[in-house]
Amino acid sequence: MQIIQPHYHAIARTAQDYERMAMSGVTAVCEPAFWAGFDRRYPETFIDYFRQITEFEPTRAAEYGIKHFAWVAVNPKEAENKELTEEVLRAMPEFLQMPNVLGVGETGLHKSTPNECDALAAHVELAMKHDQLVLIHTPHLSDKEHGTKRTLEILAGLDVDPAKIWIDHVEEQTVKSVLDAGYWAGMTLYPVTKCSPKRAVDILEKYGTERLLVNSSADWGPSDPFTLQQCVLEYRRRGNTLQEAIEVFHNNPCRFLGQNPKWDIQPIFITSE
C-alpha cells in the first residue's frame, strides 16, 4: 500500500532513509520547519534553512521517487525571541509561494510563555491571510494538557478555518478536545517516549479515523521514521481491512493536505483485497 509520511523532522538524515522509505511504500514526505538543536540568532539563518527544505531536499527525495513537501515557521523552541520571530514572519510570504510549501508550521507552544503565545497567534494570522494550511505543535510530556488547552484558547480568539488547522502531538488526554473543536489531530510516533504505535492504534479504535493523522519523526532524541510502518502493521494486525488502513495512512493526509492545490496526490480506493 502507499503511505504518506505527513510529518518528518529531518535531522541527521541519510540517503538510506529515503531508500528505506521508498522500499516500504512511502510516496511523499512532509517536512515541518524544525529546531536546529540550538537557538538560531539571526533571521538570515532561518532564510537559508527555508531554502534548504524548499530547494535542496526535494531533489534528494526525488532520486528515490518520493515527493518532498515542506512547511515554514519559527519553531516554538525559538519563538521566545520576539524580535527574531517578527523578522522571520516578514520573510515567510516569499517561501509560501514555493512549489513544495504546504503552509505555516511547525508553529505552536513549547513552554506556553506569553511570547510563544503571541508568536502562535501571529503565525496563524499570517496563514489565514494567505489562505494557507497550519501545522501546530503542542508541548510534550507534563505541559501537554495545559499547552493544548492554551492553544485552543488562542485559536478561539482568532478568525480561523478549523478544517485548515492540524494540531499535532495529541495523546489520550488531549485528542478529544482537539477533535471536538473541529480541528485535525495528529499523532507523532516515537519508539520510546511520547505516543507509541500501539497507543496510536488504541486512539484510532476509540475515536474513529475522521480528522486523525498519524506521522513519525527523525528527531533529536530516540526516534525512527519507520514507527509509521509499525503502526500500519499494528492497525492491520488488529483486523482492520486494507481499505481502512489506506483511509488512515494515505487518504486522510490527502484530504487535509489536498486543501492546498500544490498537493497533487489523490485518495485511493480499492475494490477487492
C-alpha atoms as a PDB file:
ATOM      1  CA  MET A   1       0.000   0.000   0.000  1.00  0.00           C
ATOM      2  CA  GLN A   2       1.039   3.607  -0.471  1.00  0.00           C
ATOM      3  CA  ILE A   3       1.841   5.671   2.626  1.00  0.00           C
ATOM      4  CA  ILE A   4       2.154   9.399   3.145  1.00  0.00           C
ATOM      5  CA  GLN A   5       4.800  10.387   5.697  1.00  0.00           C
ATOM      6  CA  PRO A   6       2.927  13.552   6.714  1.00  0.00           C
ATOM      7  CA  HIS A   7       5.319  14.838   9.366  1.00  0.00           C
ATOM      8  CA  TYR A   8       9.007  14.093   9.222  1.00  0.00           C
ATOM      9  CA  HIS A   9      11.611  16.065  11.163  1.00  0.00           C
ATOM     10  CA  ALA A  10      14.724  15.975   9.042  1.00  0.00           C
ATOM     11  CA  ILE A  11      17.921  15.813  11.046  1.00  0.00           C
ATOM     12  CA  ALA A  12      20.958  13.546  10.667  1.00  0.00           C
ATOM     13  CA  ARG A  13      19.131  12.033   7.699  1.00  0.00           C
ATOM     14  CA  THR A  14      20.924   9.854   5.159  1.00  0.00           C
ATOM     15  CA  ALA A  15      20.120   8.828   1.624  1.00  0.00           C
ATOM     16  CA  GLN A  16      19.464   5.350   3.025  1.00  0.00           C
ATOM     17  CA  ASP A  17      16.490   6.745   4.958  1.00  0.00           C
ATOM     18  CA  TYR A  18      14.883   7.848   1.701  1.00  0.00           C
ATOM     19  CA  GLU A  19      15.711   4.496   0.111  1.00  0.00           C
ATOM     20  CA  ARG A  20      14.190   2.524   3.000  1.00  0.00           C
ATOM     21  CA  MET A  21      11.088   4.705   2.987  1.00  0.00           C
ATOM     22  CA  ALA A  22      10.639   4.211  -0.759  1.00  0.00           C
ATOM     23  CA  MET A  23      11.015   0.447  -0.354  1.00  0.00           C
ATOM     24  CA  SER A  24       8.340   0.431   2.376  1.00  0.00           C
ATOM     25  CA  GLY A  25       5.768   2.234   0.246  1.00  0.00           C
ATOM     26  CA  VAL A  26       6.252   5.884   1.207  1.00  0.00           C
ATOM     27  CA  THR A  27       5.264   8.132  -1.698  1.00  0.00           C
ATOM     28  CA  ALA A  28       5.650  11.566  -0.073  1.00  0.00           C
ATOM     29  CA  VAL A  29       7.222  13.195   2.965  1.00  0.00           C
ATOM     30  CA  CYS A  30       6.238  16.492   4.572  1.00  0.00           C
ATOM     31  CA  GLU A  31       8.990  18.282   6.463  1.00  0.00           C
ATOM     32  CA  PRO A  32       7.991  20.918   9.019  1.00  0.00           C
ATOM     33  CA  ALA A  33      10.358  23.735   9.920  1.00  0.00           C
ATOM     34  CA  PHE A  34      12.248  22.356  12.888  1.00  0.00           C
ATOM     35  CA  TRP A  35      14.597  23.330  15.686  1.00  0.00           C
ATOM     36  CA  ALA A  36      18.259  23.077  14.689  1.00  0.00           C
ATOM     37  CA  GLY A  37      19.367  21.683  18.053  1.00  0.00           C
ATOM     38  CA  PHE A  38      20.364  25.172  19.178  1.00  0.00           C
ATOM     39  CA  ASP A  39      18.586  28.526  19.118  1.00  0.00           C
ATOM     40  CA  ARG A  40      19.268  30.437  15.919  1.00  0.00           C
ATOM     41  CA  ARG A  41      20.189  34.102  16.425  1.00  0.00           C
ATOM     42  CA  TYR A  42      19.627  35.659  13.022  1.00  0.00           C
ATOM     43  CA  PRO A  43      16.701  35.784  10.583  1.00  0.00           C
ATOM     44  CA  GLU A  44      19.121  35.058   7.740  1.00  0.00           C
ATOM     45  CA  THR A  45      19.800  31.663   9.330  1.00  0.00           C
ATOM     46  CA  PHE A  46      16.125  30.807   9.045  1.00  0.00           C
ATOM     47  CA  ILE A  47      16.025  32.012   5.452  1.00  0.00           C
ATOM     48  CA  ASP A  48      18.946  29.764   4.499  1.00  0.00           C
ATOM     49  CA  TYR A  49      17.219  26.859   6.255  1.00  0.00           C
ATOM     50  CA  PHE A  50      13.980  27.550   4.375  1.00  0.00           C
ATOM     51  CA  ARG A  51      15.983  27.471   1.154  1.00  0.00           C
ATOM     52  CA  GLN A  52      17.406  24.074   2.100  1.00  0.00           C
ATOM     53  CA  ILE A  53      13.993  22.488   2.635  1.00  0.00           C
ATOM     54  CA  THR A  54      12.381  24.147  -0.389  1.00  0.00           C
ATOM     55  CA  GLU A  55      15.199  23.877  -2.955  1.00  0.00           C
ATOM     56  CA  PHE A  56      17.644  21.121  -1.967  1.00  0.00           C
ATOM     57  CA  GLU A  57      15.642  18.458  -0.120  1.00  0.00           C
ATOM     58  CA  PRO A  58      13.067  17.958  -2.916  1.00  0.00           C
ATOM     59  CA  THR A  59      15.898  16.977  -5.261  1.00  0.00           C
ATOM     60  CA  ARG A  60      17.243  14.391  -2.783  1.00  0.00           C
ATOM     61  CA  ALA A  61      13.847  12.806  -2.241  1.00  0.00           C
ATOM     62  CA  ALA A  62      13.084  12.741  -5.966  1.00  0.00           C
ATOM     63  CA  GLU A  63      16.066  10.430  -6.542  1.00  0.00           C
ATOM     64  CA  TYR A  64      14.052   7.746  -4.727  1.00  0.00           C
ATOM     65  CA  GLY A  65      10.693   8.545  -6.307  1.00  0.00           C
ATOM     66  CA  ILE A  66       9.467  10.395  -3.208  1.00  0.00           C
ATOM     67  CA  LYS A  67       7.790  13.788  -3.338  1.00  0.00           C
ATOM     68  CA  HIS A  68       9.118  16.192  -0.719  1.00  0.00           C
ATOM     69  CA  PHE A  69       6.871  18.885   0.742  1.00  0.00           C
ATOM     70  CA  ALA A  70       7.712  21.410   3.448  1.00  0.00           C
ATOM     71  CA  TRP A  71       6.336  23.965   5.882  1.00  0.00           C
ATOM     72  CA  VAL A  72       7.915  27.217   7.054  1.00  0.00           C
ATOM     73  CA  ALA A  73       7.749  28.797  10.525  1.00  0.00           C
ATOM     74  CA  VAL A  74       9.690  29.779  13.613  1.00  0.00           C
ATOM     75  CA  ASN A  75       9.716  26.636  15.724  1.00  0.00           C
ATOM     76  CA  PRO A  76       8.153  27.064  19.211  1.00  0.00           C
ATOM     77  CA  LYS A  77      11.517  26.470  20.911  1.00  0.00           C
ATOM     78  CA  GLU A  78      12.807  29.680  19.313  1.00  0.00           C
ATOM     79  CA  ALA A  79       9.637  31.773  19.417  1.00  0.00           C
ATOM     80  CA  GLU A  80      10.601  33.287  22.782  1.00  0.00           C
ATOM     81  CA  ASN A  81      12.776  35.717  20.807  1.00  0.00           C
ATOM     82  CA  LYS A  82      10.078  38.192  19.814  1.00  0.00           C
ATOM     83  CA  GLU A  83      12.174  40.419  17.527  1.00  0.00           C
ATOM     84  CA  LEU A  84      13.639  37.445  15.669  1.00  0.00           C
ATOM     85  CA  THR A  85      10.197  35.918  15.209  1.00  0.00           C
ATOM     86  CA  GLU A  86       8.786  39.129  13.780  1.00  0.00           C
ATOM     87  CA  GLU A  87      11.619  39.433  11.251  1.00  0.00           C
ATOM     88  CA  VAL A  88      11.257  35.839  10.090  1.00  0.00           C
ATOM     89  CA  LEU A  89       7.483  36.243   9.752  1.00  0.00           C
ATOM     90  CA  ARG A  90       8.048  39.185   7.432  1.00  0.00           C
ATOM     91  CA  ALA A  91      10.209  36.970   5.181  1.00  0.00           C
ATOM     92  CA  MET A  92       7.884  33.963   5.140  1.00  0.00           C
ATOM     93  CA  PRO A  93       5.331  35.007   2.457  1.00  0.00           C
ATOM     94  CA  GLU A  94       8.033  34.635  -0.208  1.00  0.00           C
ATOM     95  CA  PHE A  95       8.502  30.985   0.759  1.00  0.00           C
ATOM     96  CA  LEU A  96       4.771  30.294   0.906  1.00  0.00           C
ATOM     97  CA  GLN A  97       4.887  30.687  -2.884  1.00  0.00           C
ATOM     98  CA  MET A  98       7.437  27.896  -3.328  1.00  0.00           C
ATOM     99  CA  PRO A  99       6.040  24.881  -5.215  1.00  0.00           C
ATOM    100  CA  ASN A 100       6.606  22.394  -2.385  1.00  0.00           C
ATOM    101  CA  VAL A 101       5.476  24.532   0.602  1.00  0.00           C
ATOM    102  CA  LEU A 102       2.106  23.467   2.009  1.00  0.00           C
ATOM    103  CA  GLY A 103       1.652  26.083   4.716  1.00  0.00           C
ATOM    104  CA  VAL A 104       2.792  27.556   8.002  1.00  0.00           C
ATOM    105  CA  GLY A 105       4.358  25.190  10.513  1.00  0.00           C
ATOM    106  CA  GLU A 106       5.567  23.940  12.800  1.00  0.00           C
ATOM    107  CA  THR A 107       4.327  26.759  14.976  1.00  0.00           C
ATOM    108  CA  GLY A 108       2.819  26.242  18.416  1.00  0.00           C
ATOM    109  CA  LEU A 109       3.885  26.167  22.040  1.00  0.00           C
ATOM    110  CA  HIS A 110       6.844  24.776  23.967  1.00  0.00           C
ATOM    111  CA  LYS A 111       6.536  26.274  27.468  1.00  0.00           C
ATOM    112  CA  SER A 112       3.379  28.316  26.788  1.00  0.00           C
ATOM    113  CA  THR A 113       5.036  31.645  27.606  1.00  0.00           C
ATOM    114  CA  PRO A 114       3.399  34.959  26.584  1.00  0.00           C
ATOM    115  CA  ASN A 115       5.913  35.418  23.745  1.00  0.00           C
ATOM    116  CA  GLU A 116       5.244  31.923  22.448  1.00  0.00           C
ATOM    117  CA  CYS A 117       1.502  32.546  22.566  1.00  0.00           C
ATOM    118  CA  ASP A 118       1.914  35.809  20.646  1.00  0.00           C
ATOM    119  CA  ALA A 119       4.078  34.045  18.062  1.00  0.00           C
ATOM    120  CA  LEU A 120       1.499  31.286  17.602  1.00  0.00           C
ATOM    121  CA  ALA A 121      -1.259  33.851  17.014  1.00  0.00           C
ATOM    122  CA  ALA A 122       0.925  35.775  14.553  1.00  0.00           C
ATOM    123  CA  HIS A 123       1.747  32.614  12.586  1.00  0.00           C
ATOM    124  CA  VAL A 124      -1.902  31.594  12.375  1.00  0.00           C
ATOM    125  CA  GLU A 125      -2.982  35.075  11.311  1.00  0.00           C
ATOM    126  CA  LEU A 126      -0.323  35.088   8.587  1.00  0.00           C
ATOM    127  CA  ALA A 127      -1.520  31.706   7.364  1.00  0.00           C
ATOM    128  CA  MET A 128      -5.166  32.746   7.267  1.00  0.00           C
ATOM    129  CA  LYS A 129      -4.252  35.976   5.437  1.00  0.00           C
ATOM    130  CA  HIS A 130      -2.510  33.970   2.714  1.00  0.00           C
ATOM    131  CA  ASP A 131      -5.076  31.115   2.716  1.00  0.00           C
ATOM    132  CA  GLN A 132      -2.548  28.566   3.980  1.00  0.00           C
ATOM    133  CA  LEU A 133      -2.724  25.374   5.992  1.00  0.00           C
ATOM    134  CA  VAL A 134      -1.341  25.441   9.547  1.00  0.00           C
ATOM    135  CA  LEU A 135       0.623  22.802  11.480  1.00  0.00           C
ATOM    136  CA  ILE A 136       0.680  23.396  15.250  1.00  0.00           C
ATOM    137  CA  HIS A 137       2.984  21.752  17.798  1.00  0.00           C
ATOM    138  CA  THR A 138       1.648  21.075  21.293  1.00  0.00           C
ATOM    139  CA  PRO A 139       4.060  20.709  24.232  1.00  0.00           C
ATOM    140  CA  HIS A 140       5.430  17.334  25.240  1.00  0.00           C
ATOM    141  CA  LEU A 141       5.073  15.443  28.498  1.00  0.00           C
ATOM    142  CA  SER A 142       3.916  17.331  31.621  1.00  0.00           C
ATOM    143  CA  ASP A 143       2.835  20.541  29.865  1.00  0.00           C
ATOM    144  CA  LYS A 144       0.841  18.830  27.111  1.00  0.00           C
ATOM    145  CA  GLU A 145      -2.638  19.180  28.595  1.00  0.00           C
ATOM    146  CA  HIS A 146      -2.150  22.806  29.640  1.00  0.00           C
ATOM    147  CA  GLY A 147      -0.413  23.704  26.366  1.00  0.00           C
ATOM    148  CA  THR A 148      -3.158  22.110  24.281  1.00  0.00           C
ATOM    149  CA  LYS A 149      -5.829  23.977  26.239  1.00  0.00           C
ATOM    150  CA  ARG A 150      -3.918  27.238  25.755  1.00  0.00           C
ATOM    151  CA  THR A 151      -3.564  26.528  22.022  1.00  0.00           C
ATOM    152  CA  LEU A 152      -7.311  26.037  21.672  1.00  0.00           C
ATOM    153  CA  GLU A 153      -7.959  29.243  23.612  1.00  0.00           C
ATOM    154  CA  ILE A 154      -5.674  31.228  21.294  1.00  0.00           C
ATOM    155  CA  LEU A 155      -7.310  29.783  18.190  1.00  0.00           C
ATOM    156  CA  ALA A 156     -10.772  30.514  19.577  1.00  0.00           C
ATOM    157  CA  GLY A 157      -9.863  34.209  19.681  1.00  0.00           C
ATOM    158  CA  LEU A 158      -8.819  34.299  16.009  1.00  0.00           C
ATOM    159  CA  ASP A 159     -10.741  34.197  12.741  1.00  0.00           C
ATOM    160  CA  VAL A 160      -9.710  30.730  11.554  1.00  0.00           C
ATOM    161  CA  ASP A 161     -10.972  27.871   9.444  1.00  0.00           C
ATOM    162  CA  PRO A 162     -10.622  24.777  11.693  1.00  0.00           C
ATOM    163  CA  ALA A 163     -10.559  22.491   8.657  1.00  0.00           C
ATOM    164  CA  LYS A 164      -7.214  24.012   7.643  1.00  0.00           C
ATOM    165  CA  ILE A 165      -5.527  23.558  11.024  1.00  0.00           C
ATOM    166  CA  TRP A 166      -3.668  20.434  12.123  1.00  0.00           C
ATOM    167  CA  ILE A 167      -2.860  20.260  15.842  1.00  0.00           C
ATOM    168  CA  ASP A 168      -0.089  17.740  16.378  1.00  0.00           C
ATOM    169  CA  HIS A 169       1.361  15.618  19.180  1.00  0.00           C
ATOM    170  CA  VAL A 170      -2.064  14.763  20.577  1.00  0.00           C
ATOM    171  CA  GLU A 171      -2.261  11.918  23.074  1.00  0.00           C
ATOM    172  CA  GLU A 172      -5.009  10.221  25.059  1.00  0.00           C
ATOM    173  CA  GLN A 173      -5.689  13.226  27.314  1.00  0.00           C
ATOM    174  CA  THR A 174      -5.858  15.833  24.519  1.00  0.00           C
ATOM    175  CA  VAL A 175      -7.212  14.210  21.354  1.00  0.00           C
ATOM    176  CA  LYS A 176     -10.910  14.623  22.248  1.00  0.00           C
ATOM    177  CA  SER A 177     -10.696  18.363  22.901  1.00  0.00           C
ATOM    178  CA  VAL A 178      -8.924  18.940  19.569  1.00  0.00           C
ATOM    179  CA  LEU A 179     -11.454  16.889  17.608  1.00  0.00           C
ATOM    180  CA  ASP A 180     -14.419  18.418  19.443  1.00  0.00           C
ATOM    181  CA  ALA A 181     -13.197  21.886  18.417  1.00  0.00           C
ATOM    182  CA  GLY A 182     -13.265  20.841  14.754  1.00  0.00           C
ATOM    183  CA  TYR A 183      -9.520  20.671  14.084  1.00  0.00           C
ATOM    184  CA  TRP A 184      -7.456  17.885  12.580  1.00  0.00           C
ATOM    185  CA  ALA A 185      -5.491  15.950  15.211  1.00  0.00           C
ATOM    186  CA  GLY A 186      -2.077  14.428  14.558  1.00  0.00           C
ATOM    187  CA  MET A 187      -0.211  11.734  16.469  1.00  0.00           C
ATOM    188  CA  THR A 188       3.575  11.774  16.123  1.00  0.00           C
ATOM    189  CA  LEU A 189       5.001   8.340  16.920  1.00  0.00           C
ATOM    190  CA  TYR A 190       8.157   7.605  18.886  1.00  0.00           C
ATOM    191  CA  PRO A 191       9.697   4.222  19.784  1.00  0.00           C
ATOM    192  CA  VAL A 192      10.279   5.033  23.481  1.00  0.00           C
ATOM    193  CA  THR A 193       8.863   8.374  24.589  1.00  0.00           C
ATOM    194  CA  LYS A 194       5.544  10.033  23.792  1.00  0.00           C
ATOM    195  CA  CYS A 195       2.994   8.260  21.570  1.00  0.00           C
ATOM    196  CA  SER A 196       3.852   4.701  20.528  1.00  0.00           C
ATOM    197  CA  PRO A 197       2.369   2.886  17.505  1.00  0.00           C
ATOM    198  CA  LYS A 198       0.201   0.696  19.759  1.00  0.00           C
ATOM    199  CA  ARG A 199      -1.159   3.701  21.678  1.00  0.00           C
ATOM    200  CA  ALA A 200      -1.953   5.422  18.371  1.00  0.00           C
ATOM    201  CA  VAL A 201      -3.997   2.424  17.226  1.00  0.00           C
ATOM    202  CA  ASP A 202      -5.792   2.415  20.584  1.00  0.00           C
ATOM    203  CA  ILE A 203      -6.763   6.047  19.936  1.00  0.00           C
ATOM    204  CA  LEU A 204      -7.918   5.248  16.402  1.00  0.00           C
ATOM    205  CA  GLU A 205     -10.092   2.424  17.732  1.00  0.00           C
ATOM    206  CA  LYS A 206     -11.620   4.654  20.405  1.00  0.00           C
ATOM    207  CA  TYR A 207     -12.198   7.847  18.424  1.00  0.00           C
ATOM    208  CA  GLY A 208     -12.534   6.597  14.852  1.00  0.00           C
ATOM    209  CA  THR A 209     -10.490   7.826  11.919  1.00  0.00           C
ATOM    210  CA  GLU A 210     -12.166  11.094  10.909  1.00  0.00           C
ATOM    211  CA  ARG A 211      -9.728  14.059  11.057  1.00  0.00           C
ATOM    212  CA  LEU A 212      -6.963  11.926  12.588  1.00  0.00           C
ATOM    213  CA  LEU A 213      -3.445  11.865  11.144  1.00  0.00           C
ATOM    214  CA  VAL A 214      -0.577   9.530  12.050  1.00  0.00           C
ATOM    215  CA  ASN A 215       3.027  10.545  11.463  1.00  0.00           C
ATOM    216  CA  SER A 216       6.556   9.863  12.638  1.00  0.00           C
ATOM    217  CA  SER A 217       9.813  11.704  13.107  1.00  0.00           C
ATOM    218  CA  ALA A 218      13.582  11.664  12.818  1.00  0.00           C
ATOM    219  CA  ASP A 219      14.139  13.700  15.954  1.00  0.00           C
ATOM    220  CA  TRP A 220      16.951  14.686  18.346  1.00  0.00           C
ATOM    221  CA  GLY A 221      16.043  12.009  20.874  1.00  0.00           C
ATOM    222  CA  PRO A 222      15.190   8.321  20.348  1.00  0.00           C
ATOM    223  CA  SER A 223      13.095   8.327  17.180  1.00  0.00           C
ATOM    224  CA  ASP A 224      12.548   6.403  13.986  1.00  0.00           C
ATOM    225  CA  PRO A 225      10.557   7.427  10.891  1.00  0.00           C
ATOM    226  CA  PHE A 226       9.603   3.766  10.478  1.00  0.00           C
ATOM    227  CA  THR A 227       7.368   3.792  13.534  1.00  0.00           C
ATOM    228  CA  LEU A 228       4.738   4.802  10.969  1.00  0.00           C
ATOM    229  CA  GLN A 229       5.116   1.445   9.216  1.00  0.00           C
ATOM    230  CA  GLN A 230       4.979  -0.283  12.611  1.00  0.00           C
ATOM    231  CA  CYS A 231       1.688   1.494  13.245  1.00  0.00           C
ATOM    232  CA  VAL A 232       0.308   0.309   9.903  1.00  0.00           C
ATOM    233  CA  LEU A 233       1.222  -3.264  10.795  1.00  0.00           C
ATOM    234  CA  GLU A 234      -0.363  -2.964  14.250  1.00  0.00           C
ATOM    235  CA  TYR A 235      -3.521  -1.489  12.726  1.00  0.00           C
ATOM    236  CA  ARG A 236      -3.790  -4.371  10.256  1.00  0.00           C
ATOM    237  CA  ARG A 237      -2.888  -6.951  12.924  1.00  0.00           C
ATOM    238  CA  ARG A 238      -5.986  -5.938  14.865  1.00  0.00           C
ATOM    239  CA  GLY A 239      -8.218  -6.953  11.970  1.00  0.00           C
ATOM    240  CA  ASN A 240      -8.697  -3.689  10.089  1.00  0.00           C
ATOM    241  CA  THR A 241      -9.017  -4.072   6.328  1.00  0.00           C
ATOM    242  CA  LEU A 242      -6.565  -2.809   3.751  1.00  0.00           C
ATOM    243  CA  GLN A 243      -9.002  -0.076   2.690  1.00  0.00           C
ATOM    244  CA  GLU A 244      -9.426   1.010   6.311  1.00  0.00           C
ATOM    245  CA  ALA A 245      -5.643   1.255   6.615  1.00  0.00           C
ATOM    246  CA  ILE A 246      -5.455   3.249   3.389  1.00  0.00           C
ATOM    247  CA  GLU A 247      -8.090   5.629   4.764  1.00  0.00           C
ATOM    248  CA  VAL A 248      -5.938   6.414   7.803  1.00  0.00           C
ATOM    249  CA  PHE A 249      -2.413   6.342   6.418  1.00  0.00           C
ATOM    250  CA  HIS A 250      -2.939   7.637   2.874  1.00  0.00           C
ATOM    251  CA  ASN A 251      -6.358   9.150   2.322  1.00  0.00           C
ATOM    252  CA  ASN A 252      -6.541  11.245   5.494  1.00  0.00           C
ATOM    253  CA  PRO A 253      -3.270  13.051   4.684  1.00  0.00           C
ATOM    254  CA  CYS A 254      -4.538  13.552   1.138  1.00  0.00           C
ATOM    255  CA  ARG A 255      -7.795  15.035   2.430  1.00  0.00           C
ATOM    256  CA  PHE A 256      -6.091  17.511   4.721  1.00  0.00           C
ATOM    257  CA  LEU A 257      -3.059  18.398   2.594  1.00  0.00           C
ATOM    258  CA  GLY A 258      -5.110  18.365  -0.600  1.00  0.00           C
ATOM    259  CA  GLN A 259      -6.734  21.607   0.508  1.00  0.00           C
ATOM    260  CA  ASN A 260      -3.539  23.152  -0.849  1.00  0.00           C
ATOM    261  CA  PRO A 261      -3.550  22.831  -4.670  1.00  0.00           C
ATOM    262  CA  LYS A 262       0.197  22.104  -4.629  1.00  0.00           C
ATOM    263  CA  TRP A 263      -0.638  18.691  -3.169  1.00  0.00           C
ATOM    264  CA  ASP A 264      -1.384  16.538  -6.213  1.00  0.00           C
ATOM    265  CA  ILE A 265      -1.648  13.078  -4.631  1.00  0.00           C
ATOM    266  CA  GLN A 266      -5.165  11.666  -4.684  1.00  0.00           C
ATOM    267  CA  PRO A 267      -7.017   9.357  -2.248  1.00  0.00           C
ATOM    268  CA  ILE A 268      -7.007   5.673  -3.124  1.00  0.00           C
ATOM    269  CA  PHE A 269      -9.976   3.296  -3.127  1.00  0.00           C
ATOM    270  CA  ILE A 270      -9.698  -0.429  -3.763  1.00  0.00           C
ATOM    271  CA  THR A 271     -12.421  -2.776  -4.970  1.00  0.00           C
ATOM    272  CA  SER A 272     -11.016  -6.013  -3.546  1.00  0.00           C
ATOM    273  CA  GLU A 273      -8.151  -7.186  -1.339  1.00  0.00           C
END
